[in-house]
Amino acid sequence: MQAEPRSGAHTVRRRFGNPDSLGWGFGAYAVFLFAFLYLPIVVIAVFSFVDNDVAALPLGQFTLDRYDEVINNQAVIDALRNSIVVALGAVAIAVAFGVPGALLVDRHNFPGKRLFQKFVLLPLILPGVITGVAFQTFFQMIDIKRSLLTVTLAHGTALVSTVLTTVYARLLRLDRSPEQASLDLGVPPVKTFFNVTLPAIKTSIIAASLLAFTLSFDEIPVTTFTIGSESTLPMYIWSALRSGNQLPELNALATMIAAGGAVLVVISALLTREESK
């Protein structure tokens, strides 16, 4: 007699145990992983809403005074403005060079193309300290004083790789037939790009811009080596933590930054998912 074929579920059960128990195990692992990653942020958020002077139990009374202190702190407002200006400038630089770079790599063959594709990832791999020292040395060599301008140039240059790789990934999946049809009808390449190609990759550009903005806004190592007398928000927080002062206020400030960063990341993820459909 021939043995009855065993189902896939039977094979999985024999090799790995009950699939239901595996599901519970993976679920428990997912809960542990998320708790490990985000529990510190939750703790900061909790202590930003109570009147404890130090982060210790028991919790005090609910209050919004910490957020009021942040909003009315002129040093925080100035640092926040500087961070936004630097991040927007860095995004403009990264998009201006990253999008044409992605088109160059995707559409053209040139000597050293494969080497260029490897080295364009270097800023994503190098530690921030090394990148910061390199930019500091470069600005000293060309006699440019450190300021918000040098921070913006450093951030923007380092983030070109982020925009380039994101847009390039989209171009690899792009249907080229509408572009070819436009060119065959005699439409100039520049007009074809703005009317056909750009609408097809715009969400990837937006997603890359949001990611670049978040990375620039949170950057500390490169900023440390390229900034002058002014301060960005991460630098302000770092300096306050080193001095040991204003900890209750910093809990509220960190919570606001985390919430804003989470919104940008979610928007970027949604745009990327929408474009991949």
C-alpha atoms as a PDB file:
ATOM      1  CA  MET A   1       0.000   0.000   0.000  1.00  0.00           C
ATOM      2  CA  GLN A   2       1.187   3.545  -0.746  1.00  0.00           C
ATOM      3  CA  ALA A   3       1.587   5.896   2.167  1.00  0.00           C
ATOM      4  CA  GLU A   4      -0.847   8.765   2.250  1.00  0.00           C
ATOM      5  CA  PRO A   5       0.731  12.107   1.329  1.00  0.00           C
ATOM      6  CA  ARG A   6       1.268  14.289   4.313  1.00  0.00           C
ATOM      7  CA  SER A   7      -0.051  17.829   4.288  1.00  0.00           C
ATOM      8  CA  GLY A   8       2.176  20.868   4.572  1.00  0.00           C
ATOM      9  CA  ALA A   9       0.750  21.639   7.999  1.00  0.00           C
ATOM     10  CA  HIS A  10       1.649  18.116   9.184  1.00  0.00           C
ATOM     11  CA  THR A  11       5.221  18.566   7.926  1.00  0.00           C
ATOM     12  CA  VAL A  12       5.553  21.940   9.662  1.00  0.00           C
ATOM     13  CA  ARG A  13       4.125  20.472  12.872  1.00  0.00           C
ATOM     14  CA  ARG A  14       6.532  17.533  12.770  1.00  0.00           C
ATOM     15  CA  ARG A  15       9.594  19.706  12.161  1.00  0.00           C
ATOM     16  CA  PHE A  16       8.867  22.832  14.174  1.00  0.00           C
ATOM     17  CA  GLY A  17       5.979  21.980  16.467  1.00  0.00           C
ATOM     18  CA  ASN A  18       2.459  23.405  16.504  1.00  0.00           C
ATOM     19  CA  PRO A  19       2.109  26.358  14.055  1.00  0.00           C
ATOM     20  CA  ASP A  20      -0.182  28.077  16.560  1.00  0.00           C
ATOM     21  CA  SER A  21       2.552  27.993  19.180  1.00  0.00           C
ATOM     22  CA  LEU A  22       4.994  29.414  16.628  1.00  0.00           C
ATOM     23  CA  GLY A  23       2.596  32.277  16.006  1.00  0.00           C
ATOM     24  CA  TRP A  24       2.404  33.046  19.717  1.00  0.00           C
ATOM     25  CA  GLY A  25       6.187  32.861  19.944  1.00  0.00           C
ATOM     26  CA  PHE A  26       6.711  35.317  17.098  1.00  0.00           C
ATOM     27  CA  GLY A  27       4.040  37.572  18.576  1.00  0.00           C
ATOM     28  CA  ALA A  28       5.770  37.571  21.966  1.00  0.00           C
ATOM     29  CA  TYR A  29       9.088  38.321  20.276  1.00  0.00           C
ATOM     30  CA  ALA A  30       7.535  41.231  18.357  1.00  0.00           C
ATOM     31  CA  VAL A  31       6.129  42.669  21.596  1.00  0.00           C
ATOM     32  CA  PHE A  32       9.515  42.326  23.304  1.00  0.00           C
ATOM     33  CA  LEU A  33      11.298  43.964  20.355  1.00  0.00           C
ATOM     34  CA  PHE A  34       8.937  46.946  20.237  1.00  0.00           C
ATOM     35  CA  ALA A  35       9.159  47.338  24.016  1.00  0.00           C
ATOM     36  CA  PHE A  36      12.956  47.272  23.837  1.00  0.00           C
ATOM     37  CA  LEU A  37      12.988  49.921  21.092  1.00  0.00           C
ATOM     38  CA  TYR A  38      10.262  52.284  22.276  1.00  0.00           C
ATOM     39  CA  LEU A  39       9.890  51.844  26.043  1.00  0.00           C
ATOM     40  CA  PRO A  40      12.561  54.521  26.764  1.00  0.00           C
ATOM     41  CA  ILE A  41      10.611  56.990  24.598  1.00  0.00           C
ATOM     42  CA  VAL A  42       7.387  56.085  26.408  1.00  0.00           C
ATOM     43  CA  VAL A  43       9.097  56.698  29.763  1.00  0.00           C
ATOM     44  CA  ILE A  44      10.269  60.137  28.613  1.00  0.00           C
ATOM     45  CA  ALA A  45       6.763  60.963  27.393  1.00  0.00           C
ATOM     46  CA  VAL A  46       5.203  59.894  30.714  1.00  0.00           C
ATOM     47  CA  PHE A  47       7.560  62.029  32.785  1.00  0.00           C
ATOM     48  CA  SER A  48       6.967  65.009  30.487  1.00  0.00           C
ATOM     49  CA  PHE A  49       3.359  65.131  31.748  1.00  0.00           C
ATOM     50  CA  VAL A  50       4.050  65.006  35.486  1.00  0.00           C
ATOM     51  CA  ASP A  51       5.596  67.499  37.901  1.00  0.00           C
ATOM     52  CA  ASN A  52       8.507  65.271  38.968  1.00  0.00           C
ATOM     53  CA  ASP A  53      11.804  67.125  39.009  1.00  0.00           C
ATOM     54  CA  VAL A  54      13.663  63.857  38.390  1.00  0.00           C
ATOM     55  CA  ALA A  55      12.685  60.747  36.441  1.00  0.00           C
ATOM     56  CA  ALA A  56      11.831  58.541  39.414  1.00  0.00           C
ATOM     57  CA  LEU A  57       8.758  56.872  40.857  1.00  0.00           C
ATOM     58  CA  PRO A  58       6.234  57.598  42.213  1.00  0.00           C
ATOM     59  CA  LEU A  59       4.698  59.752  39.519  1.00  0.00           C
ATOM     60  CA  GLY A  60       3.627  63.227  40.536  1.00  0.00           C
ATOM     61  CA  GLN A  61       0.617  65.240  39.502  1.00  0.00           C
ATOM     62  CA  PHE A  62      -0.383  65.630  35.861  1.00  0.00           C
ATOM     63  CA  THR A  63       0.769  68.941  34.383  1.00  0.00           C
ATOM     64  CA  LEU A  64       1.472  70.654  31.089  1.00  0.00           C
ATOM     65  CA  ASP A  65       3.932  73.099  32.634  1.00  0.00           C
ATOM     66  CA  ARG A  66       6.918  71.363  31.015  1.00  0.00           C
ATOM     67  CA  TYR A  67       5.516  72.014  27.566  1.00  0.00           C
ATOM     68  CA  ASP A  68       4.727  75.596  28.495  1.00  0.00           C
ATOM     69  CA  GLU A  69       8.345  76.051  29.584  1.00  0.00           C
ATOM     70  CA  VAL A  70       9.585  74.707  26.256  1.00  0.00           C
ATOM     71  CA  ILE A  71       7.299  76.953  24.214  1.00  0.00           C
ATOM     72  CA  ASN A  72       8.347  80.048  26.172  1.00  0.00           C
ATOM     73  CA  ASN A  73      12.083  79.265  26.153  1.00  0.00           C
ATOM     74  CA  GLN A  74      13.673  81.595  23.597  1.00  0.00           C
ATOM     75  CA  ALA A  75      16.864  79.518  23.411  1.00  0.00           C
ATOM     76  CA  VAL A  76      14.826  76.481  22.424  1.00  0.00           C
ATOM     77  CA  ILE A  77      12.883  78.464  19.833  1.00  0.00           C
ATOM     78  CA  ASP A  78      16.105  79.804  18.293  1.00  0.00           C
ATOM     79  CA  ALA A  79      17.667  76.331  18.208  1.00  0.00           C
ATOM     80  CA  LEU A  80      14.515  74.885  16.659  1.00  0.00           C
ATOM     81  CA  ARG A  81      14.482  77.580  13.981  1.00  0.00           C
ATOM     82  CA  ASN A  82      18.138  76.884  13.183  1.00  0.00           C
ATOM     83  CA  SER A  83      17.477  73.150  12.895  1.00  0.00           C
ATOM     84  CA  ILE A  84      14.559  73.683  10.526  1.00  0.00           C
ATOM     85  CA  VAL A  85      16.538  76.126   8.346  1.00  0.00           C
ATOM     86  CA  VAL A  86      19.503  73.747   8.163  1.00  0.00           C
ATOM     87  CA  ALA A  87      17.300  70.727   7.416  1.00  0.00           C
ATOM     88  CA  LEU A  88      15.379  72.513   4.651  1.00  0.00           C
ATOM     89  CA  GLY A  89      18.620  73.732   3.076  1.00  0.00           C
ATOM     90  CA  ALA A  90      20.124  70.247   3.298  1.00  0.00           C
ATOM     91  CA  VAL A  91      17.037  68.752   1.645  1.00  0.00           C
ATOM     92  CA  ALA A  92      17.259  71.281  -1.197  1.00  0.00           C
ATOM     93  CA  ILE A  93      20.911  70.382  -1.812  1.00  0.00           C
ATOM     94  CA  ALA A  94      20.299  66.649  -1.564  1.00  0.00           C
ATOM     95  CA  VAL A  95      17.350  66.736  -3.972  1.00  0.00           C
ATOM     96  CA  ALA A  96      19.104  69.057  -6.423  1.00  0.00           C
ATOM     97  CA  PHE A  97      22.033  66.634  -6.763  1.00  0.00           C
ATOM     98  CA  GLY A  98      20.427  63.334  -5.815  1.00  0.00           C
ATOM     99  CA  VAL A  99      17.602  63.236  -8.389  1.00  0.00           C
ATOM    100  CA  PRO A 100      19.840  64.032 -11.412  1.00  0.00           C
ATOM    101  CA  GLY A 101      22.360  61.546 -10.029  1.00  0.00           C
ATOM    102  CA  ALA A 102      19.716  58.824  -9.885  1.00  0.00           C
ATOM    103  CA  LEU A 103      18.680  59.587 -13.485  1.00  0.00           C
ATOM    104  CA  LEU A 104      22.318  59.520 -14.572  1.00  0.00           C
ATOM    105  CA  VAL A 105      22.939  56.113 -13.024  1.00  0.00           C
ATOM    106  CA  ASP A 106      19.679  54.647 -14.311  1.00  0.00           C
ATOM    107  CA  ARG A 107      19.619  56.002 -17.852  1.00  0.00           C
ATOM    108  CA  HIS A 108      23.249  56.312 -18.976  1.00  0.00           C
ATOM    109  CA  ASN A 109      26.375  54.204 -19.217  1.00  0.00           C
ATOM    110  CA  PHE A 110      29.661  55.950 -18.565  1.00  0.00           C
ATOM    111  CA  PRO A 111      33.203  54.934 -17.630  1.00  0.00           C
ATOM    112  CA  GLY A 112      33.441  54.034 -13.960  1.00  0.00           C
ATOM    113  CA  LYS A 113      29.664  53.664 -13.504  1.00  0.00           C
ATOM    114  CA  ARG A 114      29.908  50.582 -11.299  1.00  0.00           C
ATOM    115  CA  LEU A 115      32.592  52.198  -9.165  1.00  0.00           C
ATOM    116  CA  PHE A 116      30.428  55.304  -8.844  1.00  0.00           C
ATOM    117  CA  GLN A 117      27.476  53.164  -7.712  1.00  0.00           C
ATOM    118  CA  LYS A 118      29.634  51.691  -4.955  1.00  0.00           C
ATOM    119  CA  PHE A 119      31.198  54.918  -3.737  1.00  0.00           C
ATOM    120  CA  VAL A 120      27.922  56.859  -3.744  1.00  0.00           C
ATOM    121  CA  LEU A 121      26.929  54.721  -0.746  1.00  0.00           C
ATOM    122  CA  LEU A 122      30.004  55.764   1.228  1.00  0.00           C
ATOM    123  CA  PRO A 123      28.321  58.635   3.136  1.00  0.00           C
ATOM    124  CA  LEU A 124      25.702  56.144   4.358  1.00  0.00           C
ATOM    125  CA  ILE A 125      28.400  53.820   5.704  1.00  0.00           C
ATOM    126  CA  LEU A 126      30.937  56.230   7.198  1.00  0.00           C
ATOM    127  CA  PRO A 127      30.524  57.120  10.893  1.00  0.00           C
ATOM    128  CA  GLY A 128      29.270  60.639  11.477  1.00  0.00           C
ATOM    129  CA  VAL A 129      32.442  61.573  13.346  1.00  0.00           C
ATOM    130  CA  ILE A 130      34.604  60.759  10.312  1.00  0.00           C
ATOM    131  CA  THR A 131      32.289  62.718   8.033  1.00  0.00           C
ATOM    132  CA  GLY A 132      32.322  65.667  10.427  1.00  0.00           C
ATOM    133  CA  VAL A 133      36.118  65.747  10.670  1.00  0.00           C
ATOM    134  CA  ALA A 134      36.394  65.540   6.884  1.00  0.00           C
ATOM    135  CA  PHE A 135      34.069  68.501   6.381  1.00  0.00           C
ATOM    136  CA  GLN A 136      35.784  70.530   9.097  1.00  0.00           C
ATOM    137  CA  THR A 137      39.165  69.988   7.442  1.00  0.00           C
ATOM    138  CA  PHE A 138      37.731  70.847   4.022  1.00  0.00           C
ATOM    139  CA  PHE A 139      36.143  74.094   5.220  1.00  0.00           C
ATOM    140  CA  GLN A 140      39.363  75.103   6.960  1.00  0.00           C
ATOM    141  CA  MET A 141      41.331  74.398   3.788  1.00  0.00           C
ATOM    142  CA  ILE A 142      39.136  76.683   1.674  1.00  0.00           C
ATOM    143  CA  ASP A 143      38.956  79.266   4.494  1.00  0.00           C
ATOM    144  CA  ILE A 144      35.214  79.189   5.196  1.00  0.00           C
ATOM    145  CA  LYS A 145      34.270  80.014   8.776  1.00  0.00           C
ATOM    146  CA  ARG A 146      32.024  77.562  10.552  1.00  0.00           C
ATOM    147  CA  SER A 147      28.383  78.640  10.695  1.00  0.00           C
ATOM    148  CA  LEU A 148      24.903  77.407   9.899  1.00  0.00           C
ATOM    149  CA  LEU A 149      25.905  77.632   6.231  1.00  0.00           C
ATOM    150  CA  THR A 150      28.718  75.109   6.665  1.00  0.00           C
ATOM    151  CA  VAL A 151      26.366  72.827   8.622  1.00  0.00           C
ATOM    152  CA  THR A 152      23.817  73.024   5.804  1.00  0.00           C
ATOM    153  CA  LEU A 153      26.444  72.258   3.143  1.00  0.00           C
ATOM    154  CA  ALA A 154      27.782  69.312   5.148  1.00  0.00           C
ATOM    155  CA  HIS A 155      24.335  67.848   5.825  1.00  0.00           C
ATOM    156  CA  GLY A 156      23.179  68.342   2.246  1.00  0.00           C
ATOM    157  CA  THR A 157      26.284  66.743   0.752  1.00  0.00           C
ATOM    158  CA  ALA A 158      26.083  63.752   3.076  1.00  0.00           C
ATOM    159  CA  LEU A 159      22.372  63.256   2.319  1.00  0.00           C
ATOM    160  CA  VAL A 160      22.750  63.209  -1.476  1.00  0.00           C
ATOM    161  CA  SER A 161      23.278  59.449  -1.205  1.00  0.00           C
ATOM    162  CA  THR A 162      19.990  59.029   0.663  1.00  0.00           C
ATOM    163  CA  VAL A 163      17.987  60.798  -2.033  1.00  0.00           C
ATOM    164  CA  LEU A 164      19.909  59.209  -4.902  1.00  0.00           C
ATOM    165  CA  THR A 165      19.443  55.622  -3.699  1.00  0.00           C
ATOM    166  CA  THR A 166      15.746  56.132  -2.902  1.00  0.00           C
ATOM    167  CA  VAL A 167      14.903  57.680  -6.270  1.00  0.00           C
ATOM    168  CA  TYR A 168      17.108  55.202  -8.129  1.00  0.00           C
ATOM    169  CA  ALA A 169      15.216  52.293  -6.555  1.00  0.00           C
ATOM    170  CA  ARG A 170      11.996  53.780  -7.908  1.00  0.00           C
ATOM    171  CA  LEU A 171      13.458  54.332 -11.380  1.00  0.00           C
ATOM    172  CA  LEU A 172      14.431  50.663 -11.579  1.00  0.00           C
ATOM    173  CA  ARG A 173      10.739  49.729 -11.224  1.00  0.00           C
ATOM    174  CA  LEU A 174       9.442  52.451 -13.534  1.00  0.00           C
ATOM    175  CA  ASP A 175       7.705  51.534 -16.770  1.00  0.00           C
ATOM    176  CA  ARG A 176       9.699  53.254 -19.508  1.00  0.00           C
ATOM    177  CA  SER A 177       7.075  52.891 -22.250  1.00  0.00           C
ATOM    178  CA  PRO A 178       5.300  56.249 -21.563  1.00  0.00           C
ATOM    179  CA  GLU A 179       8.640  58.051 -21.807  1.00  0.00           C
ATOM    180  CA  GLN A 180       9.561  56.259 -25.020  1.00  0.00           C
ATOM    181  CA  ALA A 181       6.164  57.093 -26.504  1.00  0.00           C
ATOM    182  CA  SER A 182       6.592  60.749 -25.581  1.00  0.00           C
ATOM    183  CA  LEU A 183      10.048  60.904 -27.144  1.00  0.00           C
ATOM    184  CA  ASP A 184       8.873  59.068 -30.267  1.00  0.00           C
ATOM    185  CA  LEU A 185       6.181  61.732 -30.717  1.00  0.00           C
ATOM    186  CA  GLY A 186       8.886  64.390 -30.812  1.00  0.00           C
ATOM    187  CA  VAL A 187       8.472  65.802 -27.310  1.00  0.00           C
ATOM    188  CA  PRO A 188      11.795  67.267 -26.082  1.00  0.00           C
ATOM    189  CA  PRO A 189      13.554  65.253 -23.326  1.00  0.00           C
ATOM    190  CA  VAL A 190      13.260  68.045 -20.761  1.00  0.00           C
ATOM    191  CA  LYS A 191       9.512  68.395 -21.341  1.00  0.00           C
ATOM    192  CA  THR A 192       9.149  64.604 -21.232  1.00  0.00           C
ATOM    193  CA  PHE A 193      10.870  64.552 -17.867  1.00  0.00           C
ATOM    194  CA  PHE A 194       8.593  67.177 -16.315  1.00  0.00           C
ATOM    195  CA  ASN A 195       5.374  65.844 -17.855  1.00  0.00           C
ATOM    196  CA  VAL A 196       5.956  62.077 -17.715  1.00  0.00           C
ATOM    197  CA  THR A 197       8.916  61.010 -15.560  1.00  0.00           C
ATOM    198  CA  LEU A 198       8.625  63.462 -12.693  1.00  0.00           C
ATOM    199  CA  PRO A 199       4.953  62.685 -11.907  1.00  0.00           C
ATOM    200  CA  ALA A 200       5.860  58.981 -11.808  1.00  0.00           C
ATOM    201  CA  ILE A 201       8.684  59.435  -9.283  1.00  0.00           C
ATOM    202  CA  LYS A 202       7.408  62.415  -7.294  1.00  0.00           C
ATOM    203  CA  THR A 203       6.285  60.366  -4.293  1.00  0.00           C
ATOM    204  CA  SER A 204       9.732  58.773  -4.014  1.00  0.00           C
ATOM    205  CA  ILE A 205      11.284  62.254  -4.114  1.00  0.00           C
ATOM    206  CA  ILE A 206       8.916  63.436  -1.387  1.00  0.00           C
ATOM    207  CA  ALA A 207       9.632  60.356   0.715  1.00  0.00           C
ATOM    208  CA  ALA A 208      13.387  60.804   0.280  1.00  0.00           C
ATOM    209  CA  SER A 209      13.059  64.490   1.184  1.00  0.00           C
ATOM    210  CA  LEU A 210      11.164  63.691   4.384  1.00  0.00           C
ATOM    211  CA  LEU A 211      13.765  61.098   5.348  1.00  0.00           C
ATOM    212  CA  ALA A 212      16.597  63.520   4.586  1.00  0.00           C
ATOM    213  CA  PHE A 213      14.879  66.229   6.655  1.00  0.00           C
ATOM    214  CA  THR A 214      14.592  63.877   9.634  1.00  0.00           C
ATOM    215  CA  LEU A 215      18.224  62.754   9.372  1.00  0.00           C
ATOM    216  CA  SER A 216      19.470  66.337   9.120  1.00  0.00           C
ATOM    217  CA  PHE A 217      17.252  67.545  11.950  1.00  0.00           C
ATOM    218  CA  ASP A 218      18.610  64.878  14.323  1.00  0.00           C
ATOM    219  CA  GLU A 219      22.255  65.023  13.240  1.00  0.00           C
ATOM    220  CA  ILE A 220      24.819  65.702  15.993  1.00  0.00           C
ATOM    221  CA  PRO A 221      28.325  64.383  15.023  1.00  0.00           C
ATOM    222  CA  VAL A 222      28.594  66.247  11.703  1.00  0.00           C
ATOM    223  CA  THR A 223      27.011  69.351  13.258  1.00  0.00           C
ATOM    224  CA  THR A 224      29.512  69.341  16.127  1.00  0.00           C
ATOM    225  CA  PHE A 225      32.467  69.694  13.755  1.00  0.00           C
ATOM    226  CA  THR A 226      30.920  72.173  11.320  1.00  0.00           C
ATOM    227  CA  ILE A 227      28.876  74.599  13.425  1.00  0.00           C
ATOM    228  CA  GLY A 228      30.041  77.917  14.783  1.00  0.00           C
ATOM    229  CA  SER A 229      28.664  79.909  17.718  1.00  0.00           C
ATOM    230  CA  GLU A 230      25.004  79.137  16.986  1.00  0.00           C
ATOM    231  CA  SER A 231      23.184  76.001  18.032  1.00  0.00           C
ATOM    232  CA  THR A 232      20.735  73.521  16.578  1.00  0.00           C
ATOM    233  CA  LEU A 233      18.083  71.773  18.649  1.00  0.00           C
ATOM    234  CA  PRO A 234      19.964  68.449  19.056  1.00  0.00           C
ATOM    235  CA  MET A 235      23.061  70.407  20.087  1.00  0.00           C
ATOM    236  CA  TYR A 236      20.999  72.354  22.624  1.00  0.00           C
ATOM    237  CA  ILE A 237      19.621  69.151  24.128  1.00  0.00           C
ATOM    238  CA  TRP A 238      23.054  67.542  24.240  1.00  0.00           C
ATOM    239  CA  SER A 239      24.572  70.584  25.960  1.00  0.00           C
ATOM    240  CA  ALA A 240      21.744  70.697  28.499  1.00  0.00           C
ATOM    241  CA  LEU A 241      22.152  67.007  29.304  1.00  0.00           C
ATOM    242  CA  ARG A 242      25.900  67.442  29.787  1.00  0.00           C
ATOM    243  CA  SER A 243      25.306  70.277  32.232  1.00  0.00           C
ATOM    244  CA  GLY A 244      22.662  68.269  34.103  1.00  0.00           C
ATOM    245  CA  ASN A 245      20.139  71.116  34.039  1.00  0.00           C
ATOM    246  CA  GLN A 246      16.595  71.489  32.712  1.00  0.00           C
ATOM    247  CA  LEU A 247      15.930  67.730  32.669  1.00  0.00           C
ATOM    248  CA  PRO A 248      12.147  68.001  33.224  1.00  0.00           C
ATOM    249  CA  GLU A 249      11.916  70.503  30.378  1.00  0.00           C
ATOM    250  CA  LEU A 250      14.015  68.265  28.147  1.00  0.00           C
ATOM    251  CA  ASN A 251      11.571  65.400  28.635  1.00  0.00           C
ATOM    252  CA  ALA A 252       8.845  67.504  27.045  1.00  0.00           C
ATOM    253  CA  LEU A 253      11.177  68.706  24.303  1.00  0.00           C
ATOM    254  CA  ALA A 254      12.319  65.151  23.488  1.00  0.00           C
ATOM    255  CA  THR A 255       8.702  63.972  23.377  1.00  0.00           C
ATOM    256  CA  MET A 256       7.776  66.696  20.908  1.00  0.00           C
ATOM    257  CA  ILE A 257      10.757  65.850  18.681  1.00  0.00           C
ATOM    258  CA  ALA A 258       9.973  62.130  18.799  1.00  0.00           C
ATOM    259  CA  ALA A 259       6.349  62.775  17.861  1.00  0.00           C
ATOM    260  CA  GLY A 260       7.341  65.021  14.956  1.00  0.00           C
ATOM    261  CA  GLY A 261       9.914  62.525  13.714  1.00  0.00           C
ATOM    262  CA  ALA A 262       7.398  59.689  13.934  1.00  0.00           C
ATOM    263  CA  VAL A 263       4.927  61.670  11.811  1.00  0.00           C
ATOM    264  CA  LEU A 264       7.558  62.262   9.117  1.00  0.00           C
ATOM    265  CA  VAL A 265       8.623  58.614   9.112  1.00  0.00           C
ATOM    266  CA  VAL A 266       5.014  57.416   8.819  1.00  0.00           C
ATOM    267  CA  ILE A 267       4.328  59.821   5.951  1.00  0.00           C
ATOM    268  CA  SER A 268       7.504  58.660   4.183  1.00  0.00           C
ATOM    269  CA  ALA A 269       6.555  54.996   4.645  1.00  0.00           C
ATOM    270  CA  LEU A 270       3.033  55.585   3.338  1.00  0.00           C
ATOM    271  CA  LEU A 271       4.305  57.408   0.272  1.00  0.00           C
ATOM    272  CA  THR A 272       6.845  54.678  -0.456  1.00  0.00           C
ATOM    273  CA  ARG A 273       4.216  51.955  -0.075  1.00  0.00           C
ATOM    274  CA  GLU A 274       1.773  53.835  -2.295  1.00  0.00           C
ATOM    275  CA  GLU A 275       4.380  54.179  -5.027  1.00  0.00           C
ATOM    276  CA  SER A 276       5.373  50.504  -4.870  1.00  0.00           C
ATOM    277  CA  LYS A 277       1.809  49.366  -5.726  1.00  0.00           C
END
